Amino acid sequence: MRPEQQRTAEGILFTDQYQLSMAQLYFRAGLHEQPAQFDHYFRRYPDYGLHAAGYCISAGLEWLLDWMRSVHFREEDLAYLRAQRTRSGTQLFADDFLDYLRRHGNFAAISLSAIPEGRVVHPGMPLSVVHGPLAMAQILETPLLNQLNYQTLIATKAARIREVSRASMVLEFGLRRGQDRGANAGTRAALIGGADFTSNVGLSSTLGLPPKGTHAHSLVQVYLALGYSELDAFRAYAEVYPDDCILLVDTVDTLESGVPNAIRVFEELQAKGHKPLGIRLDSGDLAYLAIQAALLLDRAGFRDVAIVLSSDLDELVIWQIQTQIAGEAARYGADGDAVIRRLVYGVGTRLVTSHGEGALGGVYKLVAMHNGAGWQPAIKVADSPAKITTPGRKQVWRIYDQRGLATADLVCLDDEDPTRMERIVLRHPSDASLFRVLERSAITAIEPLLVDVLDAGRLVYELPTLEAMRERRRSDVERLDPGVRRIVNPHVYHVSLSQRLWDLKQALLASLTVDG
């Protein structure tokens, strides 16, 4: 794609056709400048087939903000829209509408509140809330969903991998398998969600991290093809990178050749005053090979050398590897816990593609319109109760129980303050029979989650550093109930409506039913 084509494809036309069609309809009806509110949320956790998430990690906000503040309708964009024709041959987008886009086709009038990146989030709660002129708020739908849904999906996968890896290092290796340049977004989200480092050099540079990696199988193959040995290849690598030496040991024979040759090179490095870092296993029974490699390294005196595992890892595979090591290590005279502690996980394809669940079902729904006198709630009715929207202008509050753990997220109307309530009623979003009451004495803390980010296009939010987002994720995950954190069959976390919001929702549903 040529640079000018990329500017067009990734500029303000990075939206769906029907968003522009609706914007012109609103313009024609005189509604285009009417203030509107849209909520972005997702309806269910990622389900990976054999296992499912019990929480998600918010990500993608900073990149969305950067995009929103940099794009507008350019003359090239307007010319393309002007050239579109209806089936009868007339101009699809009229000149007066295009002139409106020329003057007002940007996001300078949009206000945005959002749950900060790195925070734990759940289905049914607004992750971001858009206020602004109806036409431009409508055009924003597609790019907002594209950027927030994907990064939240990948950050969630990374958090689950982080959870099972215990204290071990997690390396993100997904660039070669990601969805084109979208892999950059995946890398960033993975680093927010739990990966310590990445092999992605460009993203590492922008985030101030050192990129990580080992050598390729082709290094050993080259030396073998030229009449040399695996040992020669290892020595060549160690000579160039004596202080960063991690050797890939499975090109020939992992236990008979690779690990013994790596040990010889490590001994030579050590004799020269260098400290070897580790070996990498990329094929075979990784649990068994990790045990046997650990025994060989220990006998040679390299107890602190890391063992990097790769090859289609995800949270379930890592969990299975650890379970196998814990059960089998003693049979071979190894300490299973010690083996697990020295493991480093290189996670690629299954992380950057969110293997098992390729998309987060985030949606963007109108919840309120301003009629000149005040905000009026809006609702969408559906046959499925889960698809009925929650109307009105809202805030989300996180409630912590006597253990200091998050026990529920409460969606309230924006003029409600549960910190002032002695008794809090939590209503199920769609089932009238499900509710509970929390006494204030059973609550240790209540905090609002949505923060103001943009005020009429002006940034009013200090963008956090990567480490701040990671710390926020660590803190939120630690304050989840252990059952919610389970990798398989997690306990259900409750997102509830306040009594007033529940009443508003039911009243709107009843009015729609009565009106037919």
Protein backbone atom coordinates (compact mmCIF):
# COMPACT_ATOMS: atom_id res chain seq x y z
CA MET A 1 0.00 0.00 0.00
CA ARG A 2 1.43 3.36 -0.98
CA PRO A 3 1.74 6.05 1.74
CA GLU A 4 -1.12 8.18 0.38
CA GLN A 5 -3.33 5.08 0.18
CA GLN A 6 -2.45 4.18 3.76
CA ARG A 7 -3.38 7.68 4.96
CA THR A 8 -6.79 7.24 3.34
CA ALA A 9 -7.38 3.67 4.51
CA GLU A 10 -6.33 4.40 8.09
CA GLY A 11 -7.70 7.94 8.33
CA ILE A 12 -11.27 9.01 9.04
CA LEU A 13 -12.59 6.67 6.33
CA PHE A 14 -11.51 3.80 8.60
CA THR A 15 -15.19 3.18 9.26
CA ASP A 16 -18.10 1.28 7.75
CA GLN A 17 -20.19 2.61 4.87
CA TYR A 18 -23.39 2.45 6.86
CA GLN A 19 -21.99 4.86 9.46
CA LEU A 20 -21.62 7.49 6.72
CA SER A 21 -25.05 6.66 5.28
CA MET A 22 -26.65 7.16 8.68
CA ALA A 23 -24.70 10.37 9.26
CA GLN A 24 -26.13 11.80 6.02
CA LEU A 25 -29.64 10.71 7.04
CA TYR A 26 -29.24 12.52 10.37
CA PHE A 27 -27.97 15.57 8.46
CA ARG A 28 -30.97 15.49 6.14
CA ALA A 29 -33.35 15.18 9.12
CA GLY A 30 -31.67 18.04 10.98
CA LEU A 31 -30.51 15.74 13.76
CA HIS A 32 -26.78 15.66 12.98
CA GLU A 33 -25.81 18.14 15.72
CA GLN A 34 -28.21 16.72 18.30
CA PRO A 35 -26.19 15.59 21.36
CA ALA A 36 -26.18 11.82 21.74
CA GLN A 37 -24.62 9.25 24.07
CA PHE A 38 -23.36 5.84 22.99
CA ASP A 39 -22.08 3.15 25.36
CA HIS A 40 -19.40 0.63 24.37
CA TYR A 41 -19.50 -2.69 26.23
CA PHE A 42 -19.18 -6.40 25.58
CA ARG A 43 -21.84 -9.03 26.24
CA ARG A 44 -19.82 -12.08 27.26
CA TYR A 45 -16.32 -13.16 28.19
CA PRO A 46 -14.05 -14.84 25.64
CA ASP A 47 -14.82 -18.56 25.45
CA TYR A 48 -11.85 -20.56 24.19
CA GLY A 49 -13.65 -23.88 23.90
CA LEU A 50 -12.11 -26.03 26.63
CA HIS A 51 -11.75 -23.04 28.94
CA ALA A 52 -13.16 -19.53 29.32
CA ALA A 53 -12.27 -16.19 30.84
CA GLY A 54 -13.79 -14.97 34.09
CA TYR A 55 -12.65 -11.38 33.59
CA CYS A 56 -11.18 -9.14 30.89
CA ILE A 57 -8.49 -6.44 30.84
CA SER A 58 -9.28 -3.08 29.26
CA ALA A 59 -6.82 -1.93 26.59
CA GLY A 60 -6.54 0.19 23.46
CA LEU A 61 -7.67 3.59 24.75
CA GLU A 62 -4.47 5.57 24.12
CA TRP A 63 -4.22 4.44 20.50
CA LEU A 64 -7.88 5.30 19.93
CA LEU A 65 -7.33 8.79 21.38
CA ASP A 66 -4.28 9.32 19.18
CA TRP A 67 -6.32 8.33 16.11
CA MET A 68 -9.31 10.51 17.03
CA ARG A 69 -7.16 13.60 17.51
CA SER A 70 -5.25 13.14 14.24
CA VAL A 71 -7.96 12.48 11.63
CA HIS A 72 -10.47 14.61 9.75
CA PHE A 73 -12.22 14.56 6.39
CA ARG A 74 -9.63 15.64 3.82
CA GLU A 75 -10.36 16.82 0.30
CA GLU A 76 -9.23 13.41 -0.99
CA ASP A 77 -11.73 11.70 1.30
CA LEU A 78 -14.56 14.00 0.23
CA ALA A 79 -13.74 13.49 -3.44
CA TYR A 80 -14.02 9.74 -2.99
CA LEU A 81 -17.39 10.10 -1.26
CA ARG A 82 -18.59 12.54 -3.92
CA ALA A 83 -17.81 9.98 -6.63
CA GLN A 84 -20.06 7.31 -5.08
CA ARG A 85 -23.32 6.74 -6.93
CA THR A 86 -26.69 5.23 -6.15
CA ARG A 87 -28.12 2.43 -8.28
CA SER A 88 -29.92 5.06 -10.37
CA GLY A 89 -26.67 6.94 -11.00
CA THR A 90 -27.27 9.93 -8.75
CA GLN A 91 -24.70 11.20 -6.25
CA LEU A 92 -24.93 9.09 -3.07
CA PHE A 93 -23.54 11.73 -0.73
CA ALA A 94 -24.90 15.19 -1.46
CA ASP A 95 -22.67 18.25 -1.71
CA ASP A 96 -24.24 20.02 1.26
CA PHE A 97 -23.54 17.00 3.47
CA LEU A 98 -19.98 16.79 2.18
CA ASP A 99 -19.55 20.50 2.90
CA TYR A 100 -20.70 19.81 6.45
CA LEU A 101 -18.06 17.08 6.74
CA ARG A 102 -15.45 19.46 5.33
CA ARG A 103 -16.21 21.97 8.12
CA HIS A 104 -17.15 19.69 11.00
CA GLY A 105 -15.89 16.23 10.01
CA ASN A 106 -13.61 15.60 12.96
CA PHE A 107 -13.94 14.55 16.58
CA ALA A 108 -13.28 17.97 18.12
CA ALA A 109 -16.81 18.08 19.57
CA ILE A 110 -16.71 14.55 21.04
CA SER A 111 -16.41 13.95 24.77
CA LEU A 112 -15.33 10.55 26.02
CA SER A 113 -15.21 8.84 29.37
CA ALA A 114 -13.69 5.40 29.75
CA ILE A 115 -12.41 2.77 32.13
CA PRO A 116 -8.62 3.19 32.15
CA GLU A 117 -6.39 0.68 30.39
CA GLY A 118 -5.17 -2.19 32.52
CA ARG A 119 -8.29 -2.39 34.66
CA VAL A 120 -10.34 -5.55 35.08
CA VAL A 121 -13.66 -5.26 33.24
CA HIS A 122 -16.72 -7.46 32.86
CA PRO A 123 -19.67 -7.95 30.47
CA GLY A 124 -22.51 -5.46 30.55
CA MET A 125 -20.58 -2.53 32.00
CA PRO A 126 -19.69 0.48 29.81
CA LEU A 127 -15.99 0.39 28.95
CA SER A 128 -16.25 3.73 27.18
CA VAL A 129 -18.99 6.33 26.84
CA VAL A 130 -19.20 8.76 23.92
CA HIS A 131 -21.04 12.10 24.06
CA GLY A 132 -21.28 14.42 21.10
CA PRO A 133 -23.04 15.42 17.90
CA LEU A 134 -25.02 12.48 16.61
CA ALA A 135 -23.48 12.30 13.14
CA MET A 136 -19.83 12.24 14.23
CA ALA A 137 -20.59 10.02 17.24
CA GLN A 138 -22.12 7.55 14.77
CA ILE A 139 -19.09 7.63 12.45
CA LEU A 140 -16.87 6.89 15.47
CA GLU A 141 -18.55 3.52 16.15
CA THR A 142 -16.50 1.30 13.85
CA PRO A 143 -12.98 2.60 14.65
CA LEU A 144 -13.73 2.67 18.37
CA LEU A 145 -14.90 -0.93 18.37
CA ASN A 146 -12.02 -2.02 16.16
CA GLN A 147 -9.34 -0.52 18.40
CA LEU A 148 -10.79 -1.21 21.85
CA ASN A 149 -12.22 -4.67 21.23
CA TYR A 150 -9.05 -6.21 19.81
CA GLN A 151 -6.62 -4.85 22.36
CA THR A 152 -8.97 -5.82 25.21
CA LEU A 153 -9.20 -9.33 23.75
CA ILE A 154 -5.41 -9.75 23.59
CA ALA A 155 -4.75 -8.11 26.96
CA THR A 156 -7.21 -10.59 28.47
CA LYS A 157 -5.42 -13.57 26.90
CA ALA A 158 -2.09 -12.24 28.15
CA ALA A 159 -3.45 -11.78 31.67
CA ARG A 160 -4.57 -15.40 31.74
CA ILE A 161 -1.14 -16.54 30.55
CA ARG A 162 0.43 -14.32 33.20
CA GLU A 163 -1.85 -15.92 35.80
CA VAL A 164 -0.76 -19.50 35.08
CA SER A 165 2.91 -18.65 34.59
CA ARG A 166 3.20 -17.71 38.28
CA ALA A 167 6.35 -15.61 38.75
CA SER A 168 8.02 -16.77 35.54
CA MET A 169 8.87 -14.40 32.71
CA VAL A 170 6.51 -14.26 29.72
CA LEU A 171 7.87 -13.21 26.32
CA GLU A 172 5.55 -12.20 23.46
CA PHE A 173 6.66 -13.70 20.11
CA GLY A 174 3.57 -13.11 17.94
CA LEU A 175 4.62 -10.57 15.31
CA ARG A 176 5.19 -13.08 12.50
CA ARG A 177 1.77 -14.69 13.05
CA GLY A 178 -0.35 -11.62 13.76
CA GLN A 179 -2.93 -9.98 11.53
CA ASP A 180 -0.65 -7.76 9.42
CA ARG A 181 0.19 -4.48 11.16
CA GLY A 182 -2.58 -5.18 13.64
CA ALA A 183 0.05 -7.31 15.35
CA ASN A 184 1.51 -4.07 16.73
CA ALA A 185 -1.74 -3.48 18.59
CA GLY A 186 -1.64 -7.09 19.76
CA THR A 187 1.90 -6.69 21.05
CA ARG A 188 0.98 -3.55 22.98
CA ALA A 189 -2.09 -5.20 24.49
CA ALA A 190 -0.06 -8.28 25.46
CA LEU A 191 2.43 -6.09 27.30
CA ILE A 192 -0.39 -4.39 29.20
CA GLY A 193 -2.04 -7.72 29.95
CA GLY A 194 0.96 -9.58 31.32
CA ALA A 195 3.83 -10.18 28.90
CA ASP A 196 7.12 -8.89 30.29
CA PHE A 197 8.88 -8.29 26.97
CA THR A 198 8.34 -8.82 23.25
CA SER A 199 10.41 -9.79 20.23
CA ASN A 200 8.73 -6.92 18.32
CA VAL A 201 11.58 -4.42 17.91
CA GLY A 202 9.52 -1.46 16.70
CA LEU A 203 6.96 -1.65 19.50
CA SER A 204 9.70 -2.22 22.06
CA SER A 205 11.30 1.00 20.89
CA THR A 206 8.10 3.05 21.18
CA LEU A 207 7.41 1.71 24.67
CA GLY A 208 10.95 2.02 25.99
CA LEU A 209 11.55 -1.70 26.43
CA PRO A 210 14.49 -3.85 25.29
CA PRO A 211 13.34 -6.40 22.67
CA LYS A 212 13.99 -10.05 23.51
CA GLY A 213 14.76 -13.10 21.40
CA THR A 214 17.02 -16.08 20.81
CA HIS A 215 18.47 -17.45 17.56
CA ALA A 216 16.68 -19.36 14.82
CA HIS A 217 16.90 -23.02 13.84
CA SER A 218 18.42 -21.78 10.60
CA LEU A 219 21.63 -20.84 12.43
CA VAL A 220 22.34 -24.50 13.20
CA GLN A 221 21.07 -25.56 9.76
CA VAL A 222 23.47 -23.16 8.01
CA TYR A 223 26.47 -24.52 9.90
CA LEU A 224 25.43 -28.13 9.28
CA ALA A 225 24.88 -27.46 5.56
CA LEU A 226 28.40 -25.97 5.31
CA GLY A 227 30.01 -29.00 6.95
CA TYR A 228 30.28 -27.68 10.48
CA SER A 229 28.50 -28.92 13.63
CA GLU A 230 25.79 -27.79 16.00
CA LEU A 231 28.54 -27.08 18.53
CA ASP A 232 30.24 -24.80 16.01
CA ALA A 233 26.98 -22.90 15.53
CA PHE A 234 26.52 -22.49 19.29
CA ARG A 235 30.10 -21.29 19.68
CA ALA A 236 29.64 -18.75 16.91
CA TYR A 237 26.52 -17.36 18.60
CA ALA A 238 28.23 -17.25 21.99
CA GLU A 239 31.21 -15.43 20.53
CA VAL A 240 29.01 -12.64 19.16
CA TYR A 241 26.60 -12.51 22.15
CA PRO A 242 28.59 -13.74 25.17
CA ASP A 243 26.46 -11.90 27.73
CA ASP A 244 23.09 -12.64 26.11
CA CYS A 245 23.52 -16.28 25.19
CA ILE A 246 20.33 -18.32 24.93
CA LEU A 247 20.79 -21.41 22.75
CA LEU A 248 18.01 -23.17 20.80
CA VAL A 249 18.77 -26.82 21.48
CA ASP A 250 16.21 -28.86 19.50
CA THR A 251 17.45 -28.62 15.89
CA VAL A 252 19.29 -31.98 15.94
CA ASP A 253 18.59 -34.00 19.11
CA THR A 254 17.58 -32.07 22.22
CA LEU A 255 18.95 -34.32 24.96
CA GLU A 256 21.71 -36.17 23.12
CA SER A 257 23.15 -33.22 21.24
CA GLY A 258 21.53 -29.86 21.92
CA VAL A 259 21.71 -29.60 25.70
CA PRO A 260 25.17 -31.26 26.01
CA ASN A 261 26.57 -28.91 23.35
CA ALA A 262 24.97 -25.94 25.07
CA ILE A 263 26.58 -26.98 28.35
CA ARG A 264 30.02 -27.13 26.68
CA VAL A 265 29.55 -23.62 25.33
CA PHE A 266 28.30 -22.39 28.72
CA GLU A 267 31.39 -23.82 30.39
CA GLU A 268 33.59 -22.00 27.87
CA LEU A 269 31.67 -18.76 28.45
CA GLN A 270 31.94 -19.14 32.20
CA ALA A 271 35.69 -19.67 31.92
CA LYS A 272 35.91 -16.33 30.12
CA GLY A 273 33.93 -14.56 32.84
CA HIS A 274 30.51 -14.52 31.15
CA LYS A 275 27.24 -15.77 32.59
CA PRO A 276 25.08 -17.85 30.20
CA LEU A 277 21.38 -17.03 30.21
CA GLY A 278 19.56 -20.15 29.08
CA ILE A 279 18.40 -22.69 26.57
CA ARG A 280 15.23 -22.78 24.50
CA LEU A 281 12.97 -25.77 23.78
CA ASP A 282 10.66 -25.35 20.80
CA SER A 283 9.41 -28.87 19.98
CA GLY A 284 8.63 -32.25 21.50
CA ASP A 285 7.21 -33.08 24.92
CA LEU A 286 8.14 -29.78 26.54
CA ALA A 287 7.39 -30.91 30.09
CA TYR A 288 9.54 -34.04 29.85
CA LEU A 289 12.32 -32.22 28.01
CA ALA A 290 12.30 -29.41 30.58
CA ILE A 291 12.79 -31.94 33.40
CA GLN A 292 15.61 -33.74 31.62
CA ALA A 293 17.29 -30.51 30.51
CA ALA A 294 17.12 -29.19 34.07
CA LEU A 295 18.81 -32.35 35.36
CA LEU A 296 21.62 -32.06 32.80
CA LEU A 297 22.13 -28.38 33.53
CA ASP A 298 22.09 -28.94 37.28
CA ARG A 299 24.68 -31.69 37.09
CA ALA A 300 26.92 -29.32 35.14
CA GLY A 301 26.49 -26.63 37.78
CA PHE A 302 24.13 -24.36 35.81
CA ARG A 303 21.20 -24.31 38.22
CA ASP A 304 20.30 -20.69 37.48
CA VAL A 305 20.20 -21.04 33.69
CA ALA A 306 16.69 -20.41 32.37
CA ILE A 307 14.74 -22.86 30.24
CA VAL A 308 12.67 -21.01 27.64
CA LEU A 309 9.66 -22.90 26.31
CA SER A 310 7.92 -22.00 23.05
CA SER A 311 5.76 -23.73 20.40
CA ASP A 312 2.04 -22.87 20.41
CA LEU A 313 1.79 -22.10 24.11
CA ASP A 314 -1.27 -20.60 25.74
CA GLU A 315 -2.67 -20.59 29.28
CA LEU A 316 -4.09 -24.11 29.06
CA VAL A 317 -0.93 -25.62 27.54
CA ILE A 318 1.25 -23.91 30.16
CA TRP A 319 -1.02 -25.20 32.91
CA GLN A 320 -0.78 -28.73 31.50
CA ILE A 321 3.02 -28.50 31.24
CA GLN A 322 3.30 -27.39 34.85
CA THR A 323 0.93 -30.14 36.01
CA GLN A 324 2.95 -32.76 34.15
CA ILE A 325 6.25 -31.49 35.58
CA ALA A 326 4.83 -31.44 39.10
CA GLY A 327 3.65 -35.04 38.72
CA GLU A 328 6.66 -36.53 36.89
CA ALA A 329 9.74 -34.68 38.14
CA ALA A 330 10.25 -36.80 41.25
CA ARG A 331 10.31 -39.96 39.13
CA TYR A 332 13.53 -38.71 37.54
CA GLY A 333 15.01 -37.32 40.74
CA ALA A 334 14.19 -33.70 39.94
CA ASP A 335 12.51 -31.04 42.07
CA GLY A 336 9.34 -30.18 40.14
CA ASP A 337 8.85 -26.80 41.79
CA ALA A 338 12.45 -25.84 41.03
CA VAL A 339 12.03 -26.82 37.38
CA ILE A 340 8.84 -24.79 37.06
CA ARG A 341 10.43 -21.75 38.69
CA ARG A 342 13.20 -21.58 36.09
CA LEU A 343 10.85 -21.72 33.10
CA VAL A 344 10.35 -18.77 30.77
CA TYR A 345 7.41 -18.85 28.37
CA GLY A 346 7.70 -17.58 24.79
CA VAL A 347 4.10 -17.18 23.65
CA GLY A 348 3.35 -16.33 20.04
CA THR A 349 0.53 -17.39 17.73
CA ARG A 350 -2.03 -18.33 20.34
CA LEU A 351 -1.64 -15.03 22.15
CA VAL A 352 -1.62 -12.54 19.29
CA THR A 353 -4.57 -14.31 17.60
CA SER A 354 -6.43 -15.07 20.86
CA HIS A 355 -6.58 -18.73 19.88
CA GLY A 356 -10.04 -20.21 20.50
CA GLU A 357 -11.87 -16.86 20.56
CA GLY A 358 -10.90 -14.60 17.70
CA ALA A 359 -12.99 -11.55 18.56
CA LEU A 360 -14.46 -9.74 21.54
CA GLY A 361 -18.16 -9.15 21.01
CA GLY A 362 -18.04 -5.49 21.97
CA VAL A 363 -20.97 -3.34 20.85
CA TYR A 364 -21.70 0.39 20.61
CA LYS A 365 -25.26 1.31 21.45
CA LEU A 366 -27.24 4.54 21.68
CA VAL A 367 -28.45 5.01 25.27
CA ALA A 368 -29.53 8.67 25.44
CA MET A 369 -30.45 11.68 23.28
CA HIS A 370 -30.65 15.35 24.24
CA ASN A 371 -33.90 16.96 23.04
CA GLY A 372 -32.96 20.55 23.86
CA ALA A 373 -34.55 20.46 27.30
CA GLY A 374 -32.62 17.57 28.76
CA TRP A 375 -31.27 14.07 28.26
CA GLN A 376 -33.80 11.42 27.32
CA PRO A 377 -32.92 7.73 27.81
CA ALA A 378 -33.00 5.42 24.79
CA ILE A 379 -33.37 1.64 24.76
CA LYS A 380 -33.03 -1.15 22.20
CA VAL A 381 -35.39 -4.11 22.61
CA ALA A 382 -34.45 -7.62 21.48
CA ASP A 383 -35.81 -11.14 21.75
CA SER A 384 -32.74 -12.09 23.75
CA PRO A 385 -32.71 -10.39 27.20
CA ALA A 386 -28.91 -10.12 27.00
CA LYS A 387 -29.27 -7.87 23.95
CA ILE A 388 -31.66 -5.39 25.55
CA THR A 389 -29.62 -2.26 26.19
CA THR A 390 -29.39 -0.45 29.52
CA PRO A 391 -30.58 3.13 28.94
CA GLY A 392 -29.48 6.46 30.28
CA ARG A 393 -26.37 8.34 31.39
CA LYS A 394 -24.43 6.15 33.79
CA GLN A 395 -21.44 5.58 36.04
CA VAL A 396 -19.91 2.23 37.02
CA TRP A 397 -18.83 1.56 40.61
CA ARG A 398 -16.73 -1.31 41.93
CA ILE A 399 -17.72 -2.64 45.35
CA TYR A 400 -15.21 -4.41 47.63
CA ASP A 401 -16.31 -6.83 50.36
CA GLN A 402 -14.94 -7.38 53.87
CA ARG A 403 -12.01 -9.36 52.43
CA GLY A 404 -11.03 -6.37 50.34
CA LEU A 405 -11.95 -8.30 47.18
CA ALA A 406 -14.18 -7.02 44.38
CA THR A 407 -17.62 -8.50 44.93
CA ALA A 408 -19.70 -6.71 42.26
CA ASP A 409 -19.70 -3.87 39.74
CA LEU A 410 -22.74 -1.63 40.03
CA VAL A 411 -24.03 0.35 37.05
CA CYS A 412 -25.90 3.42 38.29
CA LEU A 413 -27.48 6.52 36.83
CA ASP A 414 -24.90 9.27 36.71
CA ASP A 415 -26.52 11.28 39.53
CA GLU A 416 -26.40 8.33 41.96
CA ASP A 417 -23.62 7.92 44.53
CA PRO A 418 -23.55 4.50 46.21
CA THR A 419 -20.90 5.70 48.68
CA ARG A 420 -23.75 7.62 50.35
CA MET A 421 -26.11 4.63 50.52
CA GLU A 422 -26.52 2.60 53.69
CA ARG A 423 -28.05 -0.31 51.81
CA ILE A 424 -27.24 -1.04 48.17
CA VAL A 425 -29.66 -3.06 46.05
CA LEU A 426 -27.98 -4.92 43.18
CA ARG A 427 -30.37 -5.99 40.45
CA HIS A 428 -29.63 -8.53 37.72
CA PRO A 429 -29.69 -6.65 34.37
CA SER A 430 -32.51 -8.76 32.92
CA ASP A 431 -33.88 -11.25 35.49
CA ALA A 432 -36.34 -9.68 37.95
CA SER A 433 -36.01 -12.60 40.37
CA LEU A 434 -32.26 -12.16 40.88
CA PHE A 435 -31.07 -9.43 43.22
CA ARG A 436 -29.19 -9.00 46.47
CA VAL A 437 -28.81 -6.35 49.11
CA LEU A 438 -25.46 -5.24 50.53
CA GLU A 439 -25.30 -3.50 53.87
CA ARG A 440 -22.75 -0.71 54.09
CA SER A 441 -21.10 -2.50 57.01
CA ALA A 442 -20.21 -5.41 54.67
CA ILE A 443 -18.38 -3.11 52.25
CA THR A 444 -14.80 -1.93 52.68
CA ALA A 445 -14.57 0.35 49.63
CA ILE A 446 -16.51 1.63 46.63
CA GLU A 447 -14.79 3.31 43.68
CA PRO A 448 -15.98 4.81 40.38
CA LEU A 449 -14.46 3.24 37.26
CA LEU A 450 -15.31 5.59 34.38
CA VAL A 451 -13.06 8.64 34.15
CA ASP A 452 -13.29 11.67 31.87
CA VAL A 453 -10.83 11.39 29.00
CA LEU A 454 -11.89 13.87 26.31
CA ASP A 455 -13.90 17.05 26.88
CA ALA A 456 -15.12 18.39 23.52
CA GLY A 457 -12.06 16.95 21.82
CA ARG A 458 -9.62 18.22 24.45
CA LEU A 459 -7.57 15.64 26.35
CA VAL A 460 -8.34 16.00 30.07
CA TYR A 461 -6.70 12.75 31.15
CA GLU A 462 -3.07 12.02 31.90
CA LEU A 463 -2.14 9.01 29.81
CA PRO A 464 -0.52 6.39 32.05
CA THR A 465 2.83 4.73 31.41
CA LEU A 466 3.02 1.07 30.46
CA GLU A 467 4.23 0.20 33.94
CA ALA A 468 1.32 2.10 35.51
CA MET A 469 -1.14 0.12 33.36
CA ARG A 470 0.59 -3.13 34.34
CA GLU A 471 0.47 -2.23 38.02
CA ARG A 472 -3.23 -1.40 37.69
CA ARG A 473 -3.80 -4.82 36.12
CA ARG A 474 -1.83 -6.60 38.83
CA SER A 475 -3.75 -4.82 41.57
CA ASP A 476 -7.17 -5.47 40.02
CA VAL A 477 -6.49 -9.15 39.37
CA GLU A 478 -5.18 -9.67 42.90
CA ARG A 479 -8.45 -8.20 44.24
CA LEU A 480 -10.59 -10.71 42.35
CA ASP A 481 -12.02 -13.72 44.12
CA PRO A 482 -9.85 -16.80 43.42
CA GLY A 483 -12.84 -18.49 41.81
CA VAL A 484 -13.15 -15.70 39.24
CA ARG A 485 -9.44 -16.07 38.43
CA ARG A 486 -9.72 -19.78 37.59
CA ILE A 487 -8.47 -20.71 34.14
CA VAL A 488 -11.14 -23.38 33.69
CA ASN A 489 -14.78 -22.96 34.76
CA PRO A 490 -14.37 -19.58 36.50
CA HIS A 491 -16.92 -18.36 39.02
CA VAL A 492 -19.39 -15.75 37.72
CA TYR A 493 -18.64 -12.15 38.67
CA HIS A 494 -21.75 -10.01 39.00
CA VAL A 495 -22.38 -6.78 37.11
CA SER A 496 -25.60 -5.36 38.50
CA LEU A 497 -27.94 -2.40 38.03
CA SER A 498 -28.97 0.00 40.75
CA GLN A 499 -32.62 -0.07 41.73
CA ARG A 500 -33.27 3.30 40.04
CA LEU A 501 -31.61 2.19 36.81
CA TRP A 502 -33.52 -1.10 36.89
CA ASP A 503 -36.78 0.81 37.36
CA LEU A 504 -35.96 3.13 34.45
CA LYS A 505 -35.18 0.18 32.19
CA GLN A 506 -38.43 -1.60 33.07
CA ALA A 507 -40.48 1.57 32.61
CA LEU A 508 -39.05 2.11 29.13
CA LEU A 509 -39.67 -1.51 28.19
CA ALA A 510 -43.25 -1.24 29.41
CA SER A 511 -43.84 1.97 27.45
CA LEU A 512 -42.57 0.36 24.26
CA THR A 513 -44.82 -2.64 24.82
CA VAL A 514 -47.85 -0.43 25.43
CA ASP A 515 -47.13 1.72 22.38
CA GLY A 516 -46.74 -1.39 20.22
